[in-house]
Each structure stands twice: as C-alpha cells, then as structure tokens.
Amino acid sequence: MTGGEIFREAWIAGVRKHFPGEPKPSYIAPWDDTPDWERASAGAVYEQVALLIRQGGTDKLSREQKGRFVALCWIAQIYRHIPDPKPAYVADWEQLPDWQRETDSDIFVHIAAAVG
C-alpha cells in the first residue's frame, strides 16, 4: 500500500467516524475512484507527515497540533493543484468543521502507526 493510499484510508475512516449524517460520495470514494490530483496530494501529505514523524518529537504534539499540520500540508497541495480554489478548500483550522478537524487529527495518528 502506498503512502497516498494509507492517507486515503485514514481519511475515509475519519469521515465515517466523525461526519454528521451521510457524507458525500466523493468523501468516501475508494482510491481508484479518486482524482489524480487528489491522489498526488494524499501521497505528498503522507510523505510530509511521515518525514516529520521520523525526525522525532511529534509525540509531544497535541492532537490538535497534529491535525493542524495535516490541514496545512493539505492546503499547500490545494494551491499546488488548483489555481483558484474555493475558499472552503483552503480554510484555516478555525474555519474547518469539527468533523474535518477530527479527521485530520486521526490522519496524523494513522500515519504515525503506519510509519512505526
């Protein structure tokens, strides 16, 4: 399984756990049905998080700090792949819905477990 697939697996698990109601199909689409730019972004964010974990010290980060890191890395990928993104795509942590903040925090934890 690639890093991008691990990221996507964690995203889907988080959405299913934290999203209120029924999520949009695109939120829980399998890896093979995910757009190329989103797959590339998932892989890039996985690598950024994994590198940070390998460098050490992330055990001292709070759950929120871990989620914020994932969210910020994702925003950078959005700007890389989408020339003029919708404001919701690049919203700061405080503007994200609770379910998305929780999912981003879960993603960091999931990547940490995968990195070992």
C-alpha atoms as a PDB file:
ATOM      1  CA  MET A   1       0.000   0.000   0.000  1.00  0.00           C
ATOM      2  CA  THR A   2       1.361   3.433  -0.928  1.00  0.00           C
ATOM      3  CA  GLY A   3       1.548   6.403   1.399  1.00  0.00           C
ATOM      4  CA  GLY A   4      -1.263   8.071  -0.518  1.00  0.00           C
ATOM      5  CA  GLU A   5      -3.457   5.019  -0.056  1.00  0.00           C
ATOM      6  CA  ILE A   6      -2.702   4.988   3.673  1.00  0.00           C
ATOM      7  CA  PHE A   7      -3.686   8.664   3.833  1.00  0.00           C
ATOM      8  CA  ARG A   8      -6.904   7.999   1.901  1.00  0.00           C
ATOM      9  CA  GLU A   9      -7.747   5.006   4.112  1.00  0.00           C
ATOM     10  CA  ALA A  10      -7.362   7.229   7.190  1.00  0.00           C
ATOM     11  CA  TRP A  11      -9.444   9.998   5.580  1.00  0.00           C
ATOM     12  CA  ILE A  12     -12.308   7.637   4.777  1.00  0.00           C
ATOM     13  CA  ALA A  13     -12.212   6.095   8.277  1.00  0.00           C
ATOM     14  CA  GLY A  14     -12.264   9.571   9.822  1.00  0.00           C
ATOM     15  CA  VAL A  15     -15.131  10.765   7.644  1.00  0.00           C
ATOM     16  CA  ARG A  16     -17.172   7.673   8.515  1.00  0.00           C
ATOM     17  CA  LYS A  17     -16.461   8.200  12.202  1.00  0.00           C
ATOM     18  CA  HIS A  18     -16.859  11.981  12.510  1.00  0.00           C
ATOM     19  CA  PHE A  19     -19.037  13.273   9.647  1.00  0.00           C
ATOM     20  CA  PRO A  20     -22.543  14.156  10.815  1.00  0.00           C
ATOM     21  CA  GLY A  21     -25.067  12.302   8.692  1.00  0.00           C
ATOM     22  CA  GLU A  22     -24.333  10.812   5.293  1.00  0.00           C
ATOM     23  CA  PRO A  23     -21.093  12.055   3.681  1.00  0.00           C
ATOM     24  CA  LYS A  24     -20.889  12.998   0.030  1.00  0.00           C
ATOM     25  CA  PRO A  25     -19.879  10.013  -2.123  1.00  0.00           C
ATOM     26  CA  SER A  26     -16.649  11.785  -3.133  1.00  0.00           C
ATOM     27  CA  TYR A  27     -15.621  11.940   0.544  1.00  0.00           C
ATOM     28  CA  ILE A  28     -15.585   8.169   0.816  1.00  0.00           C
ATOM     29  CA  ALA A  29     -14.743   7.176  -2.751  1.00  0.00           C
ATOM     30  CA  PRO A  30     -12.189   4.362  -2.976  1.00  0.00           C
ATOM     31  CA  TRP A  31      -8.612   5.088  -4.020  1.00  0.00           C
ATOM     32  CA  ASP A  32      -9.124   4.032  -7.637  1.00  0.00           C
ATOM     33  CA  ASP A  33     -12.044   6.472  -7.967  1.00  0.00           C
ATOM     34  CA  THR A  34     -10.115   9.401  -6.506  1.00  0.00           C
ATOM     35  CA  PRO A  35      -8.975  12.107  -8.969  1.00  0.00           C
ATOM     36  CA  ASP A  36      -5.293  12.114  -9.922  1.00  0.00           C
ATOM     37  CA  TRP A  37      -4.582  15.489  -8.272  1.00  0.00           C
ATOM     38  CA  GLU A  38      -6.118  14.251  -5.034  1.00  0.00           C
ATOM     39  CA  ARG A  39      -4.088  11.028  -5.121  1.00  0.00           C
ATOM     40  CA  ALA A  40      -0.908  13.030  -5.698  1.00  0.00           C
ATOM     41  CA  SER A  41      -1.844  15.340  -2.834  1.00  0.00           C
ATOM     42  CA  ALA A  42      -2.579  12.440  -0.491  1.00  0.00           C
ATOM     43  CA  GLY A  43       0.825  10.953  -1.259  1.00  0.00           C
ATOM     44  CA  ALA A  44       2.611  14.269  -0.753  1.00  0.00           C
ATOM     45  CA  VAL A  45       0.918  14.961   2.589  1.00  0.00           C
ATOM     46  CA  TYR A  46       1.631  11.416   3.743  1.00  0.00           C
ATOM     47  CA  GLU A  47       5.320  11.946   2.959  1.00  0.00           C
ATOM     48  CA  GLN A  48       5.423  15.301   4.778  1.00  0.00           C
ATOM     49  CA  VAL A  49       3.797  13.841   7.892  1.00  0.00           C
ATOM     50  CA  ALA A  50       5.939  10.683   7.774  1.00  0.00           C
ATOM     51  CA  LEU A  51       9.135  12.743   7.467  1.00  0.00           C
ATOM     52  CA  LEU A  52       8.176  14.847  10.465  1.00  0.00           C
ATOM     53  CA  ILE A  53       7.422  11.709  12.491  1.00  0.00           C
ATOM     54  CA  ARG A  54      10.732  10.085  11.502  1.00  0.00           C
ATOM     55  CA  GLN A  55      12.613  13.206  12.587  1.00  0.00           C
ATOM     56  CA  GLY A  56      11.181  12.780  16.085  1.00  0.00           C
ATOM     57  CA  GLY A  57       9.493  14.899  18.684  1.00  0.00           C
ATOM     58  CA  THR A  58       5.977  14.525  17.368  1.00  0.00           C
ATOM     59  CA  ASP A  59       4.918  12.566  20.443  1.00  0.00           C
ATOM     60  CA  LYS A  60       4.935  15.932  22.254  1.00  0.00           C
ATOM     61  CA  LEU A  61       2.482  17.497  19.811  1.00  0.00           C
ATOM     62  CA  SER A  62      -1.114  17.780  20.957  1.00  0.00           C
ATOM     63  CA  ARG A  63      -3.848  16.065  18.968  1.00  0.00           C
ATOM     64  CA  GLU A  64      -4.888  19.465  17.642  1.00  0.00           C
ATOM     65  CA  GLN A  65      -1.337  20.349  16.565  1.00  0.00           C
ATOM     66  CA  LYS A  66      -1.121  17.076  14.665  1.00  0.00           C
ATOM     67  CA  GLY A  67      -4.377  17.827  12.884  1.00  0.00           C
ATOM     68  CA  ARG A  68      -3.307  21.385  12.118  1.00  0.00           C
ATOM     69  CA  PHE A  69      -0.138  20.069  10.472  1.00  0.00           C
ATOM     70  CA  VAL A  70      -2.137  17.737   8.222  1.00  0.00           C
ATOM     71  CA  ALA A  71      -4.560  20.538   7.334  1.00  0.00           C
ATOM     72  CA  LEU A  72      -1.776  22.984   6.485  1.00  0.00           C
ATOM     73  CA  CYS A  73       0.044  20.442   4.319  1.00  0.00           C
ATOM     74  CA  TRP A  74      -3.240  19.751   2.512  1.00  0.00           C
ATOM     75  CA  ILE A  75      -3.840  23.468   1.885  1.00  0.00           C
ATOM     76  CA  ALA A  76      -0.410  23.725   0.242  1.00  0.00           C
ATOM     77  CA  GLN A  77      -1.351  20.843  -2.061  1.00  0.00           C
ATOM     78  CA  ILE A  78      -4.654  22.501  -2.956  1.00  0.00           C
ATOM     79  CA  TYR A  79      -2.789  25.645  -4.039  1.00  0.00           C
ATOM     80  CA  ARG A  80      -0.334  23.488  -5.966  1.00  0.00           C
ATOM     81  CA  HIS A  81      -3.046  21.714  -7.971  1.00  0.00           C
ATOM     82  CA  ILE A  82      -5.951  24.177  -8.142  1.00  0.00           C
ATOM     83  CA  PRO A  83      -5.161  27.661  -9.498  1.00  0.00           C
ATOM     84  CA  ASP A  84      -8.148  29.434  -7.920  1.00  0.00           C
ATOM     85  CA  PRO A  85      -9.602  27.192  -5.199  1.00  0.00           C
ATOM     86  CA  LYS A  86     -12.865  27.817  -3.400  1.00  0.00           C
ATOM     87  CA  PRO A  87     -12.291  29.482  -0.023  1.00  0.00           C
ATOM     88  CA  ALA A  88     -13.627  26.390   1.779  1.00  0.00           C
ATOM     89  CA  TYR A  89     -10.830  24.312   0.211  1.00  0.00           C
ATOM     90  CA  VAL A  90      -8.150  26.466   1.832  1.00  0.00           C
ATOM     91  CA  ALA A  91      -9.877  27.445   5.061  1.00  0.00           C
ATOM     92  CA  ASP A  92      -7.755  27.906   8.180  1.00  0.00           C
ATOM     93  CA  TRP A  93      -8.095  25.443  11.050  1.00  0.00           C
ATOM     94  CA  GLU A  94     -10.572  27.618  12.955  1.00  0.00           C
ATOM     95  CA  GLN A  95     -12.928  27.680   9.970  1.00  0.00           C
ATOM     96  CA  LEU A  96     -12.919  23.912   9.395  1.00  0.00           C
ATOM     97  CA  PRO A  97     -15.918  21.945  10.604  1.00  0.00           C
ATOM     98  CA  ASP A  98     -15.359  19.819  13.705  1.00  0.00           C
ATOM     99  CA  TRP A  99     -15.614  16.571  11.731  1.00  0.00           C
ATOM    100  CA  GLN A 100     -12.800  17.662   9.413  1.00  0.00           C
ATOM    101  CA  ARG A 101     -10.534  18.759  12.269  1.00  0.00           C
ATOM    102  CA  GLU A 102     -11.077  15.407  13.985  1.00  0.00           C
ATOM    103  CA  THR A 103     -10.437  13.549  10.736  1.00  0.00           C
ATOM    104  CA  ASP A 104      -7.197  15.457  10.096  1.00  0.00           C
ATOM    105  CA  SER A 105      -6.019  14.625  13.620  1.00  0.00           C
ATOM    106  CA  ASP A 106      -6.888  10.966  13.053  1.00  0.00           C
ATOM    107  CA  ILE A 107      -4.913  11.002   9.800  1.00  0.00           C
ATOM    108  CA  PHE A 108      -1.739  12.043  11.621  1.00  0.00           C
ATOM    109  CA  VAL A 109      -2.215   9.291  14.215  1.00  0.00           C
ATOM    110  CA  HIS A 110      -2.885   6.742  11.457  1.00  0.00           C
ATOM    111  CA  ILE A 111       0.262   7.752   9.565  1.00  0.00           C
ATOM    112  CA  ALA A 112       2.289   7.561  12.788  1.00  0.00           C
ATOM    113  CA  ALA A 113       1.092   3.994  13.306  1.00  0.00           C
ATOM    114  CA  ALA A 114       1.990   3.113   9.701  1.00  0.00           C
ATOM    115  CA  VAL A 115       5.462   4.645   9.996  1.00  0.00           C
ATOM    116  CA  GLY A 116       6.038   2.724  13.223  1.00  0.00           C
END
